[in-house]
PDB file of N, CA and C in Angstrom:
ATOM      1  N   MET A   1     -19.116  -6.385 -22.235  1.00  0.00           N
ATOM      2  CA  MET A   1     -17.745  -6.624 -21.953  1.00  0.00           C
ATOM      3  C   MET A   1     -17.504  -8.092 -21.595  1.00  0.00           C
ATOM      4  N   ASN A   2     -16.315  -8.498 -21.885  1.00  0.00           N
ATOM      5  CA  ASN A   2     -15.959  -9.877 -21.565  1.00  0.00           C
ATOM      6  C   ASN A   2     -15.692 -10.007 -20.071  1.00  0.00           C
ATOM      7  N   THR A   3     -15.976 -11.167 -19.544  1.00  0.00           N
ATOM      8  CA  THR A   3     -15.793 -11.395 -18.112  1.00  0.00           C
ATOM      9  C   THR A   3     -14.359 -11.222 -17.687  1.00  0.00           C
ATOM     10  N   SER A   4     -13.411 -11.711 -18.526  1.00  0.00           N
ATOM     11  CA  SER A   4     -11.982 -11.603 -18.154  1.00  0.00           C
ATOM     12  C   SER A   4     -11.551 -10.113 -18.097  1.00  0.00           C
ATOM     13  N   SER A   5     -12.080  -9.316 -19.000  1.00  0.00           N
ATOM     14  CA  SER A   5     -11.736  -7.898 -18.983  1.00  0.00           C
ATOM     15  C   SER A   5     -12.287  -7.204 -17.760  1.00  0.00           C
ATOM     16  N   ILE A   6     -13.429  -7.624 -17.290  1.00  0.00           N
ATOM     17  CA  ILE A   6     -13.995  -7.048 -16.101  1.00  0.00           C
ATOM     18  C   ILE A   6     -13.135  -7.434 -14.865  1.00  0.00           C
ATOM     19  N   HIS A   7     -12.726  -8.671 -14.863  1.00  0.00           N
ATOM     20  CA  HIS A   7     -11.869  -9.091 -13.757  1.00  0.00           C
ATOM     21  C   HIS A   7     -10.520  -8.370 -13.774  1.00  0.00           C
ATOM     22  N   LEU A   8     -10.016  -8.131 -15.018  1.00  0.00           N
ATOM     23  CA  LEU A   8      -8.741  -7.362 -15.094  1.00  0.00           C
ATOM     24  C   LEU A   8      -8.907  -5.911 -14.637  1.00  0.00           C
ATOM     25  N   MET A   9     -10.021  -5.281 -15.017  1.00  0.00           N
ATOM     26  CA  MET A   9     -10.260  -3.932 -14.554  1.00  0.00           C
ATOM     27  C   MET A   9     -10.452  -3.886 -13.042  1.00  0.00           C
ATOM     28  N   LEU A  10     -11.118  -4.860 -12.461  1.00  0.00           N
ATOM     29  CA  LEU A  10     -11.303  -4.915 -11.049  1.00  0.00           C
ATOM     30  C   LEU A  10     -10.005  -5.080 -10.332  1.00  0.00           C
ATOM     31  N   LEU A  11      -9.153  -5.975 -10.849  1.00  0.00           N
ATOM     32  CA  LEU A  11      -7.811  -6.192 -10.294  1.00  0.00           C
ATOM     33  C   LEU A  11      -6.977  -4.897 -10.375  1.00  0.00           C
ATOM     34  N   LEU A  12      -6.978  -4.217 -11.470  1.00  0.00           N
ATOM     35  CA  LEU A  12      -6.252  -2.940 -11.578  1.00  0.00           C
ATOM     36  C   LEU A  12      -6.797  -1.886 -10.636  1.00  0.00           C
ATOM     37  N   LEU A  13      -8.090  -1.811 -10.446  1.00  0.00           N
ATOM     38  CA  LEU A  13      -8.646  -0.921  -9.459  1.00  0.00           C
ATOM     39  C   LEU A  13      -8.249  -1.249  -8.054  1.00  0.00           C
ATOM     40  N   LEU A  14      -8.243  -2.553  -7.730  1.00  0.00           N
ATOM     41  CA  LEU A  14      -7.803  -2.979  -6.406  1.00  0.00           C
ATOM     42  C   LEU A  14      -6.328  -2.639  -6.167  1.00  0.00           C
ATOM     43  N   LEU A  15      -5.500  -2.825  -7.175  1.00  0.00           N
ATOM     44  CA  LEU A  15      -4.108  -2.524  -7.044  1.00  0.00           C
ATOM     45  C   LEU A  15      -3.886  -1.030  -6.866  1.00  0.00           C
ATOM     46  N   ALA A  16      -4.694  -0.220  -7.554  1.00  0.00           N
ATOM     47  CA  ALA A  16      -4.597   1.252  -7.351  1.00  0.00           C
ATOM     48  C   ALA A  16      -5.017   1.670  -5.994  1.00  0.00           C
ATOM     49  N   VAL A  17      -6.029   1.062  -5.416  1.00  0.00           N
ATOM     50  CA  VAL A  17      -6.491   1.349  -4.075  1.00  0.00           C
ATOM     51  C   VAL A  17      -5.477   0.919  -3.036  1.00  0.00           C
ATOM     52  N   VAL A  18      -4.828  -0.244  -3.297  1.00  0.00           N
ATOM     53  CA  VAL A  18      -3.750  -0.720  -2.392  1.00  0.00           C
ATOM     54  C   VAL A  18      -2.559   0.246  -2.426  1.00  0.00           C
ATOM     55  N   ALA A  19      -2.202   0.683  -3.606  1.00  0.00           N
ATOM     56  CA  ALA A  19      -1.097   1.632  -3.703  1.00  0.00           C
ATOM     57  C   ALA A  19      -1.375   2.937  -3.044  1.00  0.00           C
ATOM     58  N   LEU A  20      -2.600   3.439  -3.175  1.00  0.00           N
ATOM     59  CA  LEU A  20      -3.002   4.695  -2.553  1.00  0.00           C
ATOM     60  C   LEU A  20      -3.002   4.496  -1.000  1.00  0.00           C
ATOM     61  N   PHE A  21      -3.541   3.422  -0.563  1.00  0.00           N
ATOM     62  CA  PHE A  21      -3.549   3.168   0.886  1.00  0.00           C
ATOM     63  C   PHE A  21      -2.123   3.072   1.466  1.00  0.00           C
ATOM     64  N   CYS A  22      -1.229   2.389   0.754  1.00  0.00           N
ATOM     65  CA  CYS A  22       0.154   2.271   1.217  1.00  0.00           C
ATOM     66  C   CYS A  22       0.867   3.640   1.191  1.00  0.00           C
ATOM     67  N   ALA A  23       0.558   4.441   0.196  1.00  0.00           N
ATOM     68  CA  ALA A  23       1.196   5.756   0.143  1.00  0.00           C
ATOM     69  C   ALA A  23       0.711   6.653   1.338  1.00  0.00           C
ATOM     70  N   PHE A  24      -0.541   6.520   1.684  1.00  0.00           N
ATOM     71  CA  PHE A  24      -1.021   7.254   2.823  1.00  0.00           C
ATOM     72  C   PHE A  24      -0.425   6.759   4.127  1.00  0.00           C
ATOM     73  N   VAL A  25      -0.266   5.438   4.250  1.00  0.00           N
ATOM     74  CA  VAL A  25       0.358   4.905   5.463  1.00  0.00           C
ATOM     75  C   VAL A  25       1.831   5.357   5.577  1.00  0.00           C
ATOM     76  N   GLY A  26       2.566   5.319   4.473  1.00  0.00           N
ATOM     77  CA  GLY A  26       3.962   5.762   4.494  1.00  0.00           C
ATOM     78  C   GLY A  26       4.097   7.246   4.782  1.00  0.00           C
ATOM     79  N   ALA A  27       3.199   8.035   4.198  1.00  0.00           N
ATOM     80  CA  ALA A  27       3.250   9.474   4.426  1.00  0.00           C
ATOM     81  C   ALA A  27       2.906   9.822   5.874  1.00  0.00           C
ATOM     82  N   ALA A  28       1.885   9.161   6.405  1.00  0.00           N
ATOM     83  CA  ALA A  28       1.482   9.388   7.806  1.00  0.00           C
ATOM     84  C   ALA A  28       2.621   8.964   8.767  1.00  0.00           C
ATOM     85  N   THR A  29       3.243   7.860   8.479  1.00  0.00           N
ATOM     86  CA  THR A  29       4.333   7.433   9.326  1.00  0.00           C
ATOM     87  C   THR A  29       5.513   8.388   9.286  1.00  0.00           C
ATOM     88  N   GLY A  30       5.855   8.835   8.112  1.00  0.00           N
ATOM     89  CA  GLY A  30       6.934   9.834   8.006  1.00  0.00           C
ATOM     90  C   GLY A  30       6.617  11.116   8.688  1.00  0.00           C
ATOM     91  N   LEU A  31       5.369  11.532   8.530  1.00  0.00           N
ATOM     92  CA  LEU A  31       4.940  12.834   9.219  1.00  0.00           C
ATOM     93  C   LEU A  31       4.991  12.675  10.726  1.00  0.00           C
ATOM     94  N   LEU A  32       4.459  11.563  11.225  1.00  0.00           N
ATOM     95  CA  LEU A  32       4.503  11.367  12.701  1.00  0.00           C
ATOM     96  C   LEU A  32       5.930  11.242  13.216  1.00  0.00           C
ATOM     97  N   ALA A  33       6.808  10.616  12.411  1.00  0.00           N
ATOM     98  CA  ALA A  33       8.191  10.506  12.831  1.00  0.00           C
ATOM     99  C   ALA A  33       8.834  11.902  12.890  1.00  0.00           C
ATOM    100  N   ARG A  34       8.535  12.733  11.905  1.00  0.00           N
ATOM    101  CA  ARG A  34       9.074  14.053  11.800  1.00  0.00           C
ATOM    102  C   ARG A  34       8.567  14.915  12.980  1.00  0.00           C
ATOM    103  N   ILE A  35       7.305  14.781  13.305  1.00  0.00           N
ATOM    104  CA  ILE A  35       6.710  15.526  14.415  1.00  0.00           C
ATOM    105  C   ILE A  35       7.371  15.108  15.723  1.00  0.00           C
ATOM    106  N   GLU A  36       7.731  13.772  15.821  1.00  0.00           N
ATOM    107  CA  GLU A  36       8.367  13.278  16.986  1.00  0.00           C
ATOM    108  C   GLU A  36       9.748  13.826  17.188  1.00  0.00           C
ATOM    109  N   GLY A  37      10.332  14.383  16.148  1.00  0.00           N
ATOM    110  CA  GLY A  37      11.644  15.007  16.266  1.00  0.00           C
ATOM    111  C   GLY A  37      12.756  14.273  15.491  1.00  0.00           C
ATOM    112  N   ALA A  38      12.383  13.322  14.660  1.00  0.00           N
ATOM    113  CA  ALA A  38      13.344  12.577  13.857  1.00  0.00           C
ATOM    114  C   ALA A  38      13.862  13.509  12.775  1.00  0.00           C
ATOM    115  N   THR A  39      15.054  13.210  12.297  1.00  0.00           N
ATOM    116  CA  THR A  39      15.615  13.970  11.146  1.00  0.00           C
ATOM    117  C   THR A  39      14.817  13.612   9.879  1.00  0.00           C
ATOM    118  N   TYR A  40      15.035  14.402   8.841  1.00  0.00           N
ATOM    119  CA  TYR A  40      14.324  14.152   7.563  1.00  0.00           C
ATOM    120  C   TYR A  40      14.675  12.788   7.014  1.00  0.00           C
ATOM    121  N   ALA A  41      15.943  12.420   7.106  1.00  0.00           N
ATOM    122  CA  ALA A  41      16.322  11.109   6.546  1.00  0.00           C
ATOM    123  C   ALA A  41      15.706   9.961   7.352  1.00  0.00           C
ATOM    124  N   THR A  42      15.679  10.099   8.665  1.00  0.00           N
ATOM    125  CA  THR A  42      15.082   9.062   9.485  1.00  0.00           C
ATOM    126  C   THR A  42      13.592   8.924   9.243  1.00  0.00           C
ATOM    127  N   ALA A  43      12.919  10.104   9.124  1.00  0.00           N
ATOM    128  CA  ALA A  43      11.470  10.103   8.882  1.00  0.00           C
ATOM    129  C   ALA A  43      11.192   9.497   7.553  1.00  0.00           C
ATOM    130  N   LEU A  44      12.007   9.744   6.530  1.00  0.00           N
ATOM    131  CA  LEU A  44      11.780   9.181   5.196  1.00  0.00           C
ATOM    132  C   LEU A  44      11.994   7.664   5.246  1.00  0.00           C
ATOM    133  N   LEU A  45      13.017   7.223   5.986  1.00  0.00           N
ATOM    134  CA  LEU A  45      13.291   5.822   6.115  1.00  0.00           C
ATOM    135  C   LEU A  45      12.116   5.117   6.813  1.00  0.00           C
ATOM    136  N   ARG A  46      11.617   5.714   7.881  1.00  0.00           N
ATOM    137  CA  ARG A  46      10.428   5.081   8.601  1.00  0.00           C
ATOM    138  C   ARG A  46       9.218   5.035   7.688  1.00  0.00           C
ATOM    139  N   GLY A  47       9.016   6.080   6.945  1.00  0.00           N
ATOM    140  CA  GLY A  47       7.907   6.077   5.973  1.00  0.00           C
ATOM    141  C   GLY A  47       8.048   5.019   4.896  1.00  0.00           C
ATOM    142  N   ALA A  48       9.261   4.858   4.442  1.00  0.00           N
ATOM    143  CA  ALA A  48       9.495   3.812   3.394  1.00  0.00           C
ATOM    144  C   ALA A  48       9.301   2.455   3.950  1.00  0.00           C
ATOM    145  N   VAL A  49       9.742   2.216   5.160  1.00  0.00           N
ATOM    146  CA  VAL A  49       9.561   0.902   5.760  1.00  0.00           C
ATOM    147  C   VAL A  49       8.069   0.623   5.991  1.00  0.00           C
ATOM    148  N   ALA A  50       7.335   1.632   6.472  1.00  0.00           N
ATOM    149  CA  ALA A  50       5.910   1.459   6.682  1.00  0.00           C
ATOM    150  C   ALA A  50       5.200   1.215   5.304  1.00  0.00           C
ATOM    151  N   PHE A  51       5.615   1.893   4.282  1.00  0.00           N
ATOM    152  CA  PHE A  51       5.016   1.710   2.934  1.00  0.00           C
ATOM    153  C   PHE A  51       5.257   0.264   2.473  1.00  0.00           C
ATOM    154  N   ALA A  52       6.492  -0.188   2.615  1.00  0.00           N
ATOM    155  CA  ALA A  52       6.871  -1.533   2.140  1.00  0.00           C
ATOM    156  C   ALA A  52       6.134  -2.594   2.954  1.00  0.00           C
ATOM    157  N   GLY A  53       6.007  -2.383   4.253  1.00  0.00           N
ATOM    158  CA  GLY A  53       5.325  -3.378   5.061  1.00  0.00           C
ATOM    159  C   GLY A  53       3.827  -3.438   4.757  1.00  0.00           C
ATOM    160  N   SER A  54       3.211  -2.289   4.619  1.00  0.00           N
ATOM    161  CA  SER A  54       1.781  -2.262   4.313  1.00  0.00           C
ATOM    162  C   SER A  54       1.552  -2.805   2.891  1.00  0.00           C
ATOM    163  N   ALA A  55       2.425  -2.535   1.967  1.00  0.00           N
ATOM    164  CA  ALA A  55       2.265  -3.072   0.601  1.00  0.00           C
ATOM    165  C   ALA A  55       2.402  -4.594   0.587  1.00  0.00           C
ATOM    166  N   THR A  56       3.335  -5.083   1.345  1.00  0.00           N
ATOM    167  CA  THR A  56       3.527  -6.526   1.422  1.00  0.00           C
ATOM    168  C   THR A  56       2.283  -7.206   2.004  1.00  0.00           C
ATOM    169  N   LEU A  57       1.811  -6.661   3.143  1.00  0.00           N
ATOM    170  CA  LEU A  57       0.634  -7.271   3.764  1.00  0.00           C
ATOM    171  C   LEU A  57      -0.593  -7.146   2.912  1.00  0.00           C
ATOM    172  N   SER A  58      -0.788  -5.985   2.291  1.00  0.00           N
ATOM    173  CA  SER A  58      -1.967  -5.758   1.462  1.00  0.00           C
ATOM    174  C   SER A  58      -1.977  -6.678   0.238  1.00  0.00           C
ATOM    175  N   LEU A  59      -0.841  -6.819  -0.424  1.00  0.00           N
ATOM    176  CA  LEU A  59      -0.788  -7.651  -1.601  1.00  0.00           C
ATOM    177  C   LEU A  59      -0.883  -9.150  -1.230  1.00  0.00           C
ATOM    178  N   ALA A  60      -0.395  -9.491  -0.067  1.00  0.00           N
ATOM    179  CA  ALA A  60      -0.595 -10.901   0.419  1.00  0.00           C
ATOM    180  C   ALA A  60      -2.044 -11.168   0.673  1.00  0.00           C
ATOM    181  N   LEU A  61      -2.729 -10.253   1.286  1.00  0.00           N
ATOM    182  CA  LEU A  61      -4.187 -10.458   1.530  1.00  0.00           C
ATOM    183  C   LEU A  61      -4.977 -10.445   0.207  1.00  0.00           C
ATOM    184  N   LEU A  62      -4.561  -9.611  -0.757  1.00  0.00           N
ATOM    185  CA  LEU A  62      -5.225  -9.572  -2.033  1.00  0.00           C
ATOM    186  C   LEU A  62      -5.033 -10.838  -2.761  1.00  0.00           C
ATOM    187  N   THR A  63      -3.807 -11.364  -2.739  1.00  0.00           N
ATOM    188  CA  THR A  63      -3.516 -12.647  -3.424  1.00  0.00           C
ATOM    189  C   THR A  63      -4.294 -13.782  -2.775  1.00  0.00           C
ATOM    190  N   PHE A  64      -4.398 -13.787  -1.419  1.00  0.00           N
ATOM    191  CA  PHE A  64      -5.168 -14.832  -0.737  1.00  0.00           C
ATOM    192  C   PHE A  64      -6.657 -14.704  -1.144  1.00  0.00           C
ATOM    193  N   ALA A  65      -7.181 -13.477  -1.207  1.00  0.00           N
ATOM    194  CA  ALA A  65      -8.561 -13.337  -1.523  1.00  0.00           C
ATOM    195  C   ALA A  65      -8.829 -13.750  -2.971  1.00  0.00           C
ATOM    196  N   LEU A  66      -7.940 -13.471  -3.897  1.00  0.00           N
ATOM    197  CA  LEU A  66      -8.140 -13.832  -5.262  1.00  0.00           C
ATOM    198  C   LEU A  66      -8.059 -15.330  -5.500  1.00  0.00           C
ATOM    199  N   THR A  67      -7.134 -15.983  -4.790  1.00  0.00           N
ATOM    200  CA  THR A  67      -7.026 -17.421  -4.965  1.00  0.00           C
ATOM    201  C   THR A  67      -8.163 -18.177  -4.265  1.00  0.00           C
ATOM    202  N   ALA A  68      -8.821 -17.556  -3.315  1.00  0.00           N
ATOM    203  CA  ALA A  68      -9.921 -18.190  -2.627  1.00  0.00           C
ATOM    204  C   ALA A  68     -11.179 -18.140  -3.460  1.00  0.00           C
ATOM    205  N   LEU A  69     -11.245 -17.228  -4.408  1.00  0.00           N
ATOM    206  CA  LEU A  69     -12.440 -17.098  -5.299  1.00  0.00           C
ATOM    207  C   LEU A  69     -12.501 -18.160  -6.315  1.00  0.00           C
TER     208      LEU A  69
END
């Protein structure tokens, strides 16, 4: 395989792992908010904010790591 195709596959794998991690963070935040007594809308909003925050941080760290290489 070509080196660039290996890097592309690795990047896609890392993006999939980041998306899965962020989905788990958002789901856990929404679940904890719902257990705390928040309404469904509020729990969904808290989960979405946690998803967006973790996605932003994870992609920023991934970008930093890729430019450092």
